[in-house]
C-alpha cells in the first residue's frame, strides 16, 4: 500500500530566498553586493539630454530625406518620431521624479 503513496516534497518546489536590489548571485550561490549608483547624477542627466537631442536630430534628418524625395522610407520617419517622443517622455518623467524626491528632502526636518 505504501508504494502508491507519493511523498509530498516531490510535488512542491522549496521556497527560494529572494535577493534584494543590488545583490547578484555568483556561480557558487554566494551573493555579491553592488554599491548603489555607479554613475554621478550629472552624467546621467547629461546622457538623457543628449539622447533627446540625438533622437530629435535623427527625426529631422529622416523627415528632410522623405520630404526632399531622397528616401521613400516612411516607416523610418514614424519610428524616429516615436523614439524622439519616448525620449522626451522618459526625460520628463525622470525630471518629475527627481523634483518630487528633492521636494521631499526639503520638507524633511533636520
N, C-alpha and C. Protein backbone atom coordinates (compact mmCIF):
# COMPACT_ATOMS: atom_id res chain seq x y z
N UNK A 1 0.81 -1.18 0.00
CA UNK A 1 0.00 0.00 0.00
C UNK A 1 0.86 1.26 0.00
N UNK A 2 2.04 1.24 0.63
CA UNK A 2 2.91 2.41 0.68
C UNK A 2 3.53 2.72 -0.68
N UNK A 3 3.52 1.78 -1.58
CA UNK A 3 4.08 2.03 -2.91
C UNK A 3 3.21 2.98 -3.72
N UNK A 4 1.95 3.19 -3.35
CA UNK A 4 1.04 4.10 -4.05
C UNK A 4 1.06 5.51 -3.47
N UNK A 5 1.69 5.68 -2.33
CA UNK A 5 1.73 6.99 -1.69
C UNK A 5 2.99 7.70 -2.14
N UNK A 6 2.80 8.91 -2.71
CA UNK A 6 3.93 9.71 -3.17
C UNK A 6 4.27 10.73 -2.09
N UNK A 7 5.54 10.88 -1.75
CA UNK A 7 5.91 11.90 -0.75
C UNK A 7 5.51 13.30 -1.21
N UNK A 8 5.11 14.12 -0.28
CA UNK A 8 4.62 15.47 -0.58
C UNK A 8 5.71 16.32 -1.20
N UNK A 9 6.96 16.20 -0.77
CA UNK A 9 8.02 17.07 -1.26
C UNK A 9 8.36 16.83 -2.73
N UNK A 10 7.83 15.81 -3.37
CA UNK A 10 8.04 15.62 -4.80
C UNK A 10 7.13 16.53 -5.62
N UNK A 11 6.05 17.02 -5.00
CA UNK A 11 5.10 17.87 -5.71
C UNK A 11 5.43 19.35 -5.58
N UNK A 12 6.18 19.74 -4.57
CA UNK A 12 6.41 21.15 -4.29
C UNK A 12 7.88 21.49 -4.43
N UNK A 13 8.13 22.69 -4.93
CA UNK A 13 9.48 23.21 -5.01
C UNK A 13 9.73 24.03 -3.74
N UNK A 14 10.84 23.84 -3.07
CA UNK A 14 11.09 24.62 -1.85
C UNK A 14 11.18 26.11 -2.16
N UNK A 15 10.81 26.91 -1.20
CA UNK A 15 10.83 28.37 -1.37
C UNK A 15 12.28 28.83 -1.43
N UNK A 16 12.59 29.64 -2.44
CA UNK A 16 13.93 30.18 -2.62
C UNK A 16 14.02 31.55 -1.96
N UNK A 17 15.17 31.89 -1.46
CA UNK A 17 15.39 33.20 -0.88
C UNK A 17 15.38 34.25 -1.99
N UNK A 18 14.65 35.35 -1.77
CA UNK A 18 14.61 36.43 -2.76
C UNK A 18 15.79 37.36 -2.51
N UNK A 19 16.41 37.79 -3.59
CA UNK A 19 17.54 38.71 -3.48
C UNK A 19 17.05 40.13 -3.41
N UNK A 20 17.81 40.96 -2.73
CA UNK A 20 17.49 42.38 -2.67
C UNK A 20 18.05 43.06 -3.91
N UNK A 21 17.60 44.28 -4.14
CA UNK A 21 18.13 45.06 -5.25
C UNK A 21 19.61 45.31 -4.99
N UNK A 22 20.43 45.05 -5.97
CA UNK A 22 21.87 45.26 -5.83
C UNK A 22 22.62 44.01 -5.44
N UNK A 23 21.91 42.91 -5.16
CA UNK A 23 22.58 41.65 -4.85
C UNK A 23 22.60 40.79 -6.10
N UNK A 24 23.78 40.30 -6.44
CA UNK A 24 23.94 39.49 -7.64
C UNK A 24 24.47 38.12 -7.22
N UNK A 25 23.76 37.04 -7.59
CA UNK A 25 24.25 35.72 -7.20
C UNK A 25 25.47 35.31 -8.04
N UNK A 26 26.46 34.71 -7.39
CA UNK A 26 27.63 34.16 -8.08
C UNK A 26 27.32 32.73 -8.51
N UNK A 27 28.24 32.14 -9.24
CA UNK A 27 28.06 30.76 -9.68
C UNK A 27 28.02 29.78 -8.51
N UNK A 28 28.70 30.11 -7.42
CA UNK A 28 28.72 29.21 -6.26
C UNK A 28 27.63 29.56 -5.25
N UNK A 29 26.60 30.32 -5.71
CA UNK A 29 25.44 30.73 -4.91
C UNK A 29 25.77 31.69 -3.78
N UNK A 30 27.00 32.23 -3.74
CA UNK A 30 27.26 33.31 -2.80
C UNK A 30 26.74 34.61 -3.43
N UNK A 31 26.61 35.64 -2.63
CA UNK A 31 25.97 36.86 -3.11
C UNK A 31 26.97 38.01 -3.11
N UNK A 32 27.05 38.70 -4.26
CA UNK A 32 27.83 39.92 -4.38
C UNK A 32 26.90 41.09 -4.15
N UNK A 33 27.31 42.01 -3.31
CA UNK A 33 26.52 43.21 -3.11
C UNK A 33 27.17 44.33 -3.90
N UNK A 34 26.38 44.97 -4.75
CA UNK A 34 26.90 46.09 -5.52
C UNK A 34 26.67 47.36 -4.74
N UNK A 35 27.49 48.32 -4.96
CA UNK A 35 27.30 49.60 -4.29
C UNK A 35 26.39 50.45 -5.14
N UNK A 36 25.29 50.89 -4.65
CA UNK A 36 24.29 51.75 -5.29
C UNK A 36 24.63 52.25 -6.68
N UNK A 37 24.55 53.54 -6.85
CA UNK A 37 24.76 54.15 -8.15
C UNK A 37 26.25 54.16 -8.48
N UNK A 38 26.56 53.85 -9.72
CA UNK A 38 27.96 53.86 -10.14
C UNK A 38 28.25 55.06 -11.02
N UNK A 39 27.24 55.81 -11.37
CA UNK A 39 27.41 56.95 -12.26
C UNK A 39 26.88 58.20 -11.57
N UNK A 40 27.62 59.31 -11.61
CA UNK A 40 27.12 60.53 -10.99
C UNK A 40 25.82 61.00 -11.65
N UNK A 41 25.01 61.68 -10.86
CA UNK A 41 23.72 62.16 -11.35
C UNK A 41 23.88 63.09 -12.55
N UNK A 42 24.89 63.95 -12.51
CA UNK A 42 25.08 64.90 -13.60
C UNK A 42 25.34 64.18 -14.92
N UNK A 43 26.12 63.09 -14.87
CA UNK A 43 26.36 62.31 -16.09
C UNK A 43 25.07 61.68 -16.60
N UNK A 44 24.26 61.19 -15.67
CA UNK A 44 23.01 60.56 -16.06
C UNK A 44 22.09 61.56 -16.75
N UNK A 45 21.96 62.75 -16.18
CA UNK A 45 21.10 63.77 -16.79
C UNK A 45 21.68 64.24 -18.12
N UNK A 46 22.99 64.40 -18.20
CA UNK A 46 23.63 64.82 -19.45
C UNK A 46 23.37 63.78 -20.54
N UNK A 47 23.47 62.50 -20.21
CA UNK A 47 23.20 61.44 -21.19
C UNK A 47 21.75 61.45 -21.63
N UNK A 48 20.83 61.70 -20.70
CA UNK A 48 19.41 61.75 -21.05
C UNK A 48 19.13 62.92 -22.00
N UNK A 49 19.70 64.07 -21.70
CA UNK A 49 19.51 65.24 -22.56
C UNK A 49 20.13 65.01 -23.93
N UNK A 50 21.34 64.44 -23.96
CA UNK A 50 21.98 64.15 -25.25
C UNK A 50 21.18 63.14 -26.06
N UNK A 51 20.55 62.18 -25.38
CA UNK A 51 19.71 61.21 -26.07
C UNK A 51 18.51 61.90 -26.74
N UNK A 52 17.90 62.84 -26.03
CA UNK A 52 16.78 63.59 -26.61
C UNK A 52 17.24 64.39 -27.82
N UNK A 53 18.39 65.03 -27.70
CA UNK A 53 18.92 65.84 -28.81
C UNK A 53 19.22 64.97 -30.03
N UNK A 54 19.88 63.83 -29.79
CA UNK A 54 20.24 62.94 -30.90
C UNK A 54 19.01 62.35 -31.59
N UNK A 55 18.01 61.94 -30.82
CA UNK A 55 16.81 61.39 -31.45
C UNK A 55 16.07 62.47 -32.22
N UNK A 56 16.10 63.70 -31.74
CA UNK A 56 15.46 64.80 -32.46
C UNK A 56 16.20 65.11 -33.76
N UNK A 57 17.53 65.06 -33.72
CA UNK A 57 18.31 65.28 -34.94
C UNK A 57 18.03 64.18 -35.97
N UNK A 58 17.96 62.93 -35.51
CA UNK A 58 17.68 61.81 -36.42
C UNK A 58 16.30 61.96 -37.05
N UNK A 59 15.33 62.39 -36.26
CA UNK A 59 13.98 62.62 -36.78
C UNK A 59 14.00 63.71 -37.84
N UNK A 60 14.70 64.80 -37.57
CA UNK A 60 14.77 65.89 -38.54
C UNK A 60 15.42 65.44 -39.85
N UNK A 61 16.48 64.64 -39.75
CA UNK A 61 17.14 64.14 -40.96
C UNK A 61 16.22 63.21 -41.75
N UNK A 62 15.50 62.34 -41.05
CA UNK A 62 14.59 61.41 -41.73
C UNK A 62 13.44 62.14 -42.40
N UNK A 63 12.89 63.15 -41.72
CA UNK A 63 11.79 63.93 -42.30
C UNK A 63 12.28 64.68 -43.53
N UNK A 64 13.46 65.27 -43.45
CA UNK A 64 14.01 66.01 -44.58
C UNK A 64 14.26 65.08 -45.77
N UNK A 65 14.77 63.89 -45.50
CA UNK A 65 15.06 62.94 -46.57
C UNK A 65 13.77 62.52 -47.28
N UNK A 66 12.71 62.30 -46.53
CA UNK A 66 11.43 61.91 -47.15
C UNK A 66 10.81 63.10 -47.88
N UNK A 67 10.90 64.29 -47.28
CA UNK A 67 10.29 65.48 -47.89
C UNK A 67 10.99 65.88 -49.18
N UNK A 68 12.29 65.67 -49.29
CA UNK A 68 13.02 66.05 -50.49
C UNK A 68 13.07 64.94 -51.53
N UNK A 69 12.51 63.78 -51.18
CA UNK A 69 12.48 62.68 -52.13
C UNK A 69 13.73 61.84 -52.14
N UNK A 70 14.67 62.10 -51.24
CA UNK A 70 15.89 61.31 -51.17
C UNK A 70 15.61 59.91 -50.63
N UNK A 71 14.49 59.75 -49.93
CA UNK A 71 14.13 58.46 -49.36
C UNK A 71 12.63 58.28 -49.45
N UNK A 72 12.20 57.05 -49.68
CA UNK A 72 10.78 56.76 -49.64
C UNK A 72 10.46 55.85 -48.46
N UNK A 73 11.33 55.88 -47.48
CA UNK A 73 11.25 55.03 -46.29
C UNK A 73 10.42 55.73 -45.21
N UNK A 74 9.11 55.76 -45.39
CA UNK A 74 8.23 56.48 -44.48
C UNK A 74 8.18 55.84 -43.09
N UNK A 75 8.29 54.53 -43.04
CA UNK A 75 8.21 53.89 -41.72
C UNK A 75 9.39 54.26 -40.83
N UNK A 76 10.56 54.58 -41.40
CA UNK A 76 11.68 55.01 -40.56
C UNK A 76 11.40 56.38 -39.94
N UNK A 77 10.62 57.22 -40.64
CA UNK A 77 10.23 58.51 -40.07
C UNK A 77 9.32 58.28 -38.87
N UNK A 78 8.38 57.36 -39.01
CA UNK A 78 7.47 57.07 -37.91
C UNK A 78 8.22 56.46 -36.71
N UNK A 79 9.19 55.60 -37.00
CA UNK A 79 9.98 55.02 -35.92
C UNK A 79 10.81 56.09 -35.24
N UNK A 80 11.43 56.97 -36.01
CA UNK A 80 12.22 58.06 -35.43
C UNK A 80 11.35 59.00 -34.60
N UNK A 81 10.15 59.25 -35.08
CA UNK A 81 9.23 60.13 -34.35
C UNK A 81 8.84 59.49 -33.02
N UNK A 82 8.60 58.20 -33.02
CA UNK A 82 8.24 57.51 -31.79
C UNK A 82 9.41 57.49 -30.81
N UNK A 83 10.63 57.25 -31.33
CA UNK A 83 11.81 57.26 -30.47
C UNK A 83 12.01 58.64 -29.84
N UNK A 84 11.85 59.69 -30.64
CA UNK A 84 12.02 61.05 -30.12
C UNK A 84 10.96 61.36 -29.07
N UNK A 85 9.75 60.96 -29.32
CA UNK A 85 8.66 61.20 -28.37
C UNK A 85 8.91 60.45 -27.06
N UNK A 86 9.32 59.20 -27.16
CA UNK A 86 9.60 58.42 -25.95
C UNK A 86 10.79 58.98 -25.17
N UNK A 87 11.80 59.44 -25.88
CA UNK A 87 12.98 60.01 -25.21
C UNK A 87 12.58 61.24 -24.39
N UNK A 88 11.73 62.09 -24.97
CA UNK A 88 11.27 63.28 -24.25
C UNK A 88 10.39 62.87 -23.07
N UNK A 89 9.49 61.92 -23.29
CA UNK A 89 8.60 61.47 -22.21
C UNK A 89 9.39 60.88 -21.05
N UNK A 90 10.39 60.08 -21.34
CA UNK A 90 11.21 59.47 -20.28
C UNK A 90 11.97 60.55 -19.53
N UNK A 91 12.53 61.51 -20.23
CA UNK A 91 13.28 62.56 -19.56
C UNK A 91 12.36 63.41 -18.68
N UNK A 92 11.15 63.71 -19.17
CA UNK A 92 10.21 64.50 -18.38
C UNK A 92 9.78 63.72 -17.13
N UNK A 93 9.52 62.43 -17.28
CA UNK A 93 9.14 61.62 -16.12
C UNK A 93 10.29 61.54 -15.11
N UNK A 94 11.51 61.41 -15.60
CA UNK A 94 12.65 61.37 -14.70
C UNK A 94 12.79 62.70 -13.97
N UNK A 95 12.62 63.79 -14.68
CA UNK A 95 12.69 65.11 -14.06
C UNK A 95 11.63 65.25 -12.98
N UNK A 96 10.40 64.78 -13.28
CA UNK A 96 9.32 64.87 -12.30
C UNK A 96 9.65 64.06 -11.05
N UNK A 97 10.17 62.84 -11.22
CA UNK A 97 10.54 62.01 -10.08
C UNK A 97 11.66 62.66 -9.27
N UNK A 98 12.62 63.24 -9.96
CA UNK A 98 13.72 63.90 -9.27
C UNK A 98 13.21 65.08 -8.47
N UNK A 99 12.33 65.89 -9.06
CA UNK A 99 11.79 67.04 -8.34
C UNK A 99 10.94 66.61 -7.16
N UNK A 100 10.18 65.54 -7.30
CA UNK A 100 9.41 65.03 -6.17
C UNK A 100 10.33 64.61 -5.02
N UNK A 101 11.42 63.91 -5.36
CA UNK A 101 12.37 63.49 -4.34
C UNK A 101 13.05 64.69 -3.70
N UNK A 102 13.41 65.68 -4.49
CA UNK A 102 14.04 66.89 -3.98
C UNK A 102 13.10 67.62 -3.03
N UNK A 103 11.84 67.77 -3.44
CA UNK A 103 10.86 68.45 -2.59
C UNK A 103 10.63 67.68 -1.29
N UNK A 104 10.65 66.38 -1.35
CA UNK A 104 10.51 65.55 -0.15
C UNK A 104 11.69 65.78 0.80
N UNK A 105 12.89 65.88 0.24
CA UNK A 105 14.06 66.16 1.08
C UNK A 105 13.98 67.54 1.71
N UNK A 106 13.48 68.50 0.98
CA UNK A 106 13.35 69.87 1.50
C UNK A 106 12.35 69.90 2.66
N UNK A 107 11.28 69.11 2.56
CA UNK A 107 10.24 69.10 3.61
C UNK A 107 10.68 68.36 4.87
N UNK A 108 11.71 67.54 4.77
CA UNK A 108 12.17 66.79 5.95
C UNK A 108 12.75 67.73 6.97
N UNK A 109 12.44 67.47 8.21
CA UNK A 109 13.03 68.24 9.28
C UNK A 109 14.40 67.71 9.63
N UNK A 110 15.30 68.58 9.97
CA UNK A 110 16.65 68.16 10.30
C UNK A 110 16.83 68.07 11.79
